[in-house]
């Protein structure tokens, strides 16, 4: 099993998208990239903790690749809007790839570079690529939110 963590705006739709990918064993909503230990949703929403809403993905590398996860990540959100996804605005909604080793960091940076060079988006990609820090699991009501609420999602 391997781990990857992505921030692509509101975590509800991001979690559901990753959960449906072949080879993904678990997708968990949470927070990463901030300075407060065990932050609450209310704290993260202030924008003062530095955390992004993220999804931690546990996957089987024999069934899918990190590149496939990166592909899904860049397809499911707009990586050119700093601190915003659709109607959601704030640093907690930033586009981010949190990496767990040098290989992931290289692969993410190369993937981003290739997309930019190919002109895949109208504007430059602003996705942050940073070493993973502590992952803080979001409150239970955020887990599997789309499944619990009949497909409702804030994600575009």
C-alpha atoms as a PDB file:
ATOM      1  CA  UNK A   1       0.000   0.000   0.000  1.00  0.00           C
ATOM      2  CA  UNK A   2       1.143   3.564  -0.742  1.00  0.00           C
ATOM      3  CA  UNK A   3      -0.107   7.024   0.221  1.00  0.00           C
ATOM      4  CA  UNK A   4      -0.748  10.171  -1.798  1.00  0.00           C
ATOM      5  CA  UNK A   5      -2.376  13.399  -0.598  1.00  0.00           C
ATOM      6  CA  UNK A   6      -4.080  16.034  -2.744  1.00  0.00           C
ATOM      7  CA  UNK A   7      -5.779  19.365  -2.147  1.00  0.00           C
ATOM      8  CA  UNK A   8      -8.228  20.336  -4.898  1.00  0.00           C
ATOM      9  CA  UNK A   9     -10.782  22.548  -3.212  1.00  0.00           C
ATOM     10  CA  UNK A  10     -13.666  21.264  -1.125  1.00  0.00           C
ATOM     11  CA  UNK A  11     -12.710  17.736  -0.140  1.00  0.00           C
ATOM     12  CA  UNK A  12     -16.164  16.140  -0.518  1.00  0.00           C
ATOM     13  CA  UNK A  13     -16.100  15.685  -4.293  1.00  0.00           C
ATOM     14  CA  UNK A  14     -12.348  15.070  -4.363  1.00  0.00           C
ATOM     15  CA  UNK A  15     -12.726  12.201  -1.904  1.00  0.00           C
ATOM     16  CA  UNK A  16     -15.538  10.637  -3.927  1.00  0.00           C
ATOM     17  CA  UNK A  17     -13.593  10.925  -7.190  1.00  0.00           C
ATOM     18  CA  UNK A  18     -10.541   9.187  -5.778  1.00  0.00           C
ATOM     19  CA  UNK A  19     -12.628   6.575  -3.956  1.00  0.00           C
ATOM     20  CA  UNK A  20     -14.015   5.427  -7.321  1.00  0.00           C
ATOM     21  CA  UNK A  21     -10.635   4.957  -9.029  1.00  0.00           C
ATOM     22  CA  UNK A  22      -9.437   1.372  -9.564  1.00  0.00           C
ATOM     23  CA  UNK A  23      -6.617   0.526  -7.178  1.00  0.00           C
ATOM     24  CA  UNK A  24      -7.640   3.057  -4.532  1.00  0.00           C
ATOM     25  CA  UNK A  25      -8.225   1.275  -1.249  1.00  0.00           C
ATOM     26  CA  UNK A  26      -9.297   4.268   0.849  1.00  0.00           C
ATOM     27  CA  UNK A  27      -9.794   8.018   0.492  1.00  0.00           C
ATOM     28  CA  UNK A  28     -10.065  10.133   3.623  1.00  0.00           C
ATOM     29  CA  UNK A  29     -10.930  13.822   3.961  1.00  0.00           C
ATOM     30  CA  UNK A  30      -8.681  15.889   6.171  1.00  0.00           C
ATOM     31  CA  UNK A  31      -6.319  18.798   6.595  1.00  0.00           C
ATOM     32  CA  UNK A  32      -2.630  19.281   5.832  1.00  0.00           C
ATOM     33  CA  UNK A  33      -0.096  22.029   5.405  1.00  0.00           C
ATOM     34  CA  UNK A  34      -0.870  24.182   8.415  1.00  0.00           C
ATOM     35  CA  UNK A  35       0.540  25.102  11.790  1.00  0.00           C
ATOM     36  CA  UNK A  36      -2.214  24.038  14.215  1.00  0.00           C
ATOM     37  CA  UNK A  37      -2.290  20.522  15.628  1.00  0.00           C
ATOM     38  CA  UNK A  38      -5.540  18.606  15.147  1.00  0.00           C
ATOM     39  CA  UNK A  39      -7.423  21.546  13.610  1.00  0.00           C
ATOM     40  CA  UNK A  40     -11.196  21.655  13.414  1.00  0.00           C
ATOM     41  CA  UNK A  41     -13.148  22.504  10.284  1.00  0.00           C
ATOM     42  CA  UNK A  42     -14.171  25.789  11.882  1.00  0.00           C
ATOM     43  CA  UNK A  43     -10.514  26.691  12.518  1.00  0.00           C
ATOM     44  CA  UNK A  44      -9.439  25.757   8.987  1.00  0.00           C
ATOM     45  CA  UNK A  45     -12.287  27.819   7.497  1.00  0.00           C
ATOM     46  CA  UNK A  46     -10.875  30.977   9.090  1.00  0.00           C
ATOM     47  CA  UNK A  47      -7.862  30.688   6.784  1.00  0.00           C
ATOM     48  CA  UNK A  48      -5.558  31.368   9.733  1.00  0.00           C
ATOM     49  CA  UNK A  49      -4.267  27.835  10.354  1.00  0.00           C
ATOM     50  CA  UNK A  50      -2.533  27.469   6.985  1.00  0.00           C
ATOM     51  CA  UNK A  51      -4.178  24.104   6.301  1.00  0.00           C
ATOM     52  CA  UNK A  52      -5.620  22.977   2.992  1.00  0.00           C
ATOM     53  CA  UNK A  53      -8.634  20.712   2.724  1.00  0.00           C
ATOM     54  CA  UNK A  54      -7.069  17.516   1.386  1.00  0.00           C
ATOM     55  CA  UNK A  55      -7.806  13.916   0.600  1.00  0.00           C
ATOM     56  CA  UNK A  56      -5.389  11.247   1.744  1.00  0.00           C
ATOM     57  CA  UNK A  57      -5.428   8.396  -0.765  1.00  0.00           C
ATOM     58  CA  UNK A  58      -4.309   4.887   0.155  1.00  0.00           C
ATOM     59  CA  UNK A  59      -3.667   2.907  -3.016  1.00  0.00           C
ATOM     60  CA  UNK A  60      -2.225  -0.367  -4.228  1.00  0.00           C
ATOM     61  CA  UNK A  61       0.734   0.362  -6.554  1.00  0.00           C
ATOM     62  CA  UNK A  62       0.226  -3.017  -8.227  1.00  0.00           C
ATOM     63  CA  UNK A  63      -3.241  -1.850  -9.364  1.00  0.00           C
ATOM     64  CA  UNK A  64      -2.691   1.841 -10.143  1.00  0.00           C
ATOM     65  CA  UNK A  65       0.151   4.310 -10.407  1.00  0.00           C
ATOM     66  CA  UNK A  66       0.976   7.623  -8.828  1.00  0.00           C
ATOM     67  CA  UNK A  67       0.883   9.074 -12.352  1.00  0.00           C
ATOM     68  CA  UNK A  68      -2.732   7.906 -12.735  1.00  0.00           C
ATOM     69  CA  UNK A  69      -3.612   9.612  -9.444  1.00  0.00           C
ATOM     70  CA  UNK A  70      -1.909  12.819 -10.633  1.00  0.00           C
ATOM     71  CA  UNK A  71      -3.865  12.618 -13.881  1.00  0.00           C
ATOM     72  CA  UNK A  72      -7.154  12.331 -11.980  1.00  0.00           C
ATOM     73  CA  UNK A  73      -6.152  15.161  -9.648  1.00  0.00           C
ATOM     74  CA  UNK A  74      -5.403  17.605 -12.464  1.00  0.00           C
ATOM     75  CA  UNK A  75      -8.629  16.658 -14.275  1.00  0.00           C
ATOM     76  CA  UNK A  76     -10.978  17.113 -11.334  1.00  0.00           C
ATOM     77  CA  UNK A  77     -10.256  20.741 -10.490  1.00  0.00           C
ATOM     78  CA  UNK A  78      -8.888  23.980 -11.889  1.00  0.00           C
ATOM     79  CA  UNK A  79      -5.198  24.058 -10.909  1.00  0.00           C
ATOM     80  CA  UNK A  80      -4.798  27.626 -12.226  1.00  0.00           C
ATOM     81  CA  UNK A  81      -6.848  29.455  -9.605  1.00  0.00           C
ATOM     82  CA  UNK A  82      -4.909  30.356  -6.468  1.00  0.00           C
ATOM     83  CA  UNK A  83      -6.862  29.790  -3.271  1.00  0.00           C
ATOM     84  CA  UNK A  84     -10.114  29.133  -5.060  1.00  0.00           C
ATOM     85  CA  UNK A  85     -12.210  26.351  -6.558  1.00  0.00           C
ATOM     86  CA  UNK A  86     -15.513  27.421  -8.019  1.00  0.00           C
ATOM     87  CA  UNK A  87     -17.484  29.359  -5.409  1.00  0.00           C
ATOM     88  CA  UNK A  88     -15.107  28.364  -2.588  1.00  0.00           C
ATOM     89  CA  UNK A  89     -12.493  31.007  -1.817  1.00  0.00           C
ATOM     90  CA  UNK A  90      -9.654  30.855   0.707  1.00  0.00           C
ATOM     91  CA  UNK A  91      -6.227  29.322   1.186  1.00  0.00           C
ATOM     92  CA  UNK A  92      -7.852  26.132   2.500  1.00  0.00           C
ATOM     93  CA  UNK A  93      -9.128  25.511  -1.058  1.00  0.00           C
ATOM     94  CA  UNK A  94      -5.728  25.795  -2.736  1.00  0.00           C
ATOM     95  CA  UNK A  95      -4.473  23.314  -5.280  1.00  0.00           C
ATOM     96  CA  UNK A  96      -1.764  21.210  -3.643  1.00  0.00           C
ATOM     97  CA  UNK A  97       0.118  17.952  -3.992  1.00  0.00           C
ATOM     98  CA  UNK A  98       1.735  16.813  -0.756  1.00  0.00           C
ATOM     99  CA  UNK A  99       4.538  14.338  -1.422  1.00  0.00           C
ATOM    100  CA  UNK A 100       5.914  11.550   0.742  1.00  0.00           C
ATOM    101  CA  UNK A 101       9.276  10.982  -0.915  1.00  0.00           C
ATOM    102  CA  UNK A 102      11.657  12.316  -3.572  1.00  0.00           C
ATOM    103  CA  UNK A 103      10.108  10.121  -6.272  1.00  0.00           C
ATOM    104  CA  UNK A 104       6.631  11.576  -5.708  1.00  0.00           C
ATOM    105  CA  UNK A 105       8.045  15.119  -5.611  1.00  0.00           C
ATOM    106  CA  UNK A 106       9.900  14.614  -8.910  1.00  0.00           C
ATOM    107  CA  UNK A 107       6.942  12.937 -10.586  1.00  0.00           C
ATOM    108  CA  UNK A 108       4.487  15.632  -9.465  1.00  0.00           C
ATOM    109  CA  UNK A 109       6.782  18.465 -10.578  1.00  0.00           C
ATOM    110  CA  UNK A 110       7.413  16.801 -13.947  1.00  0.00           C
ATOM    111  CA  UNK A 111       3.688  16.139 -14.476  1.00  0.00           C
ATOM    112  CA  UNK A 112       2.877  19.775 -13.699  1.00  0.00           C
ATOM    113  CA  UNK A 113       5.669  21.005 -16.002  1.00  0.00           C
ATOM    114  CA  UNK A 114       4.453  18.843 -18.903  1.00  0.00           C
ATOM    115  CA  UNK A 115       0.877  20.115 -18.524  1.00  0.00           C
ATOM    116  CA  UNK A 116       2.071  23.728 -18.491  1.00  0.00           C
ATOM    117  CA  UNK A 117       4.337  23.221 -21.520  1.00  0.00           C
ATOM    118  CA  UNK A 118       1.514  21.526 -23.433  1.00  0.00           C
ATOM    119  CA  UNK A 119      -0.791  24.465 -22.746  1.00  0.00           C
ATOM    120  CA  UNK A 120      -3.310  22.142 -21.130  1.00  0.00           C
ATOM    121  CA  UNK A 121      -4.876  25.088 -19.298  1.00  0.00           C
ATOM    122  CA  UNK A 122      -5.451  28.704 -20.374  1.00  0.00           C
ATOM    123  CA  UNK A 123      -3.437  30.013 -17.438  1.00  0.00           C
ATOM    124  CA  UNK A 124      -0.294  28.755 -15.677  1.00  0.00           C
ATOM    125  CA  UNK A 125      -0.745  26.014 -13.089  1.00  0.00           C
ATOM    126  CA  UNK A 126      -0.377  27.332  -9.531  1.00  0.00           C
ATOM    127  CA  UNK A 127      -0.525  23.945  -7.776  1.00  0.00           C
ATOM    128  CA  UNK A 128       1.686  23.850  -4.704  1.00  0.00           C
ATOM    129  CA  UNK A 129       3.984  20.820  -4.486  1.00  0.00           C
ATOM    130  CA  UNK A 130       5.296  20.392  -0.952  1.00  0.00           C
ATOM    131  CA  UNK A 131       6.494  17.663   1.397  1.00  0.00           C
ATOM    132  CA  UNK A 132       3.665  16.034   3.314  1.00  0.00           C
ATOM    133  CA  UNK A 133       3.316  17.023   6.922  1.00  0.00           C
ATOM    134  CA  UNK A 134       0.933  15.659   9.515  1.00  0.00           C
ATOM    135  CA  UNK A 135      -2.435  14.586   8.122  1.00  0.00           C
ATOM    136  CA  UNK A 136      -5.343  15.495  10.336  1.00  0.00           C
ATOM    137  CA  UNK A 137      -8.504  13.503   9.647  1.00  0.00           C
ATOM    138  CA  UNK A 138     -11.545  15.736   9.181  1.00  0.00           C
ATOM    139  CA  UNK A 139     -14.585  15.362  11.381  1.00  0.00           C
ATOM    140  CA  UNK A 140     -16.719  12.293  10.747  1.00  0.00           C
ATOM    141  CA  UNK A 141     -19.541  14.240   9.085  1.00  0.00           C
ATOM    142  CA  UNK A 142     -17.099  15.131   6.260  1.00  0.00           C
ATOM    143  CA  UNK A 143     -16.157  11.501   5.561  1.00  0.00           C
ATOM    144  CA  UNK A 144     -17.984   9.965   2.577  1.00  0.00           C
ATOM    145  CA  UNK A 145     -20.079  13.133   2.463  1.00  0.00           C
ATOM    146  CA  UNK A 146     -21.262  12.606  -1.118  1.00  0.00           C
ATOM    147  CA  UNK A 147     -22.422   9.060  -0.329  1.00  0.00           C
ATOM    148  CA  UNK A 148     -24.198  10.161   2.838  1.00  0.00           C
ATOM    149  CA  UNK A 149     -26.031  13.055   1.182  1.00  0.00           C
ATOM    150  CA  UNK A 150     -27.249  11.487  -2.030  1.00  0.00           C
ATOM    151  CA  UNK A 151     -24.697  12.901  -4.392  1.00  0.00           C
ATOM    152  CA  UNK A 152     -24.693  16.463  -3.086  1.00  0.00           C
ATOM    153  CA  UNK A 153     -21.272  18.010  -3.499  1.00  0.00           C
ATOM    154  CA  UNK A 154     -19.718  21.448  -3.442  1.00  0.00           C
ATOM    155  CA  UNK A 155     -17.170  20.207  -5.961  1.00  0.00           C
ATOM    156  CA  UNK A 156     -17.509  21.233  -9.582  1.00  0.00           C
END
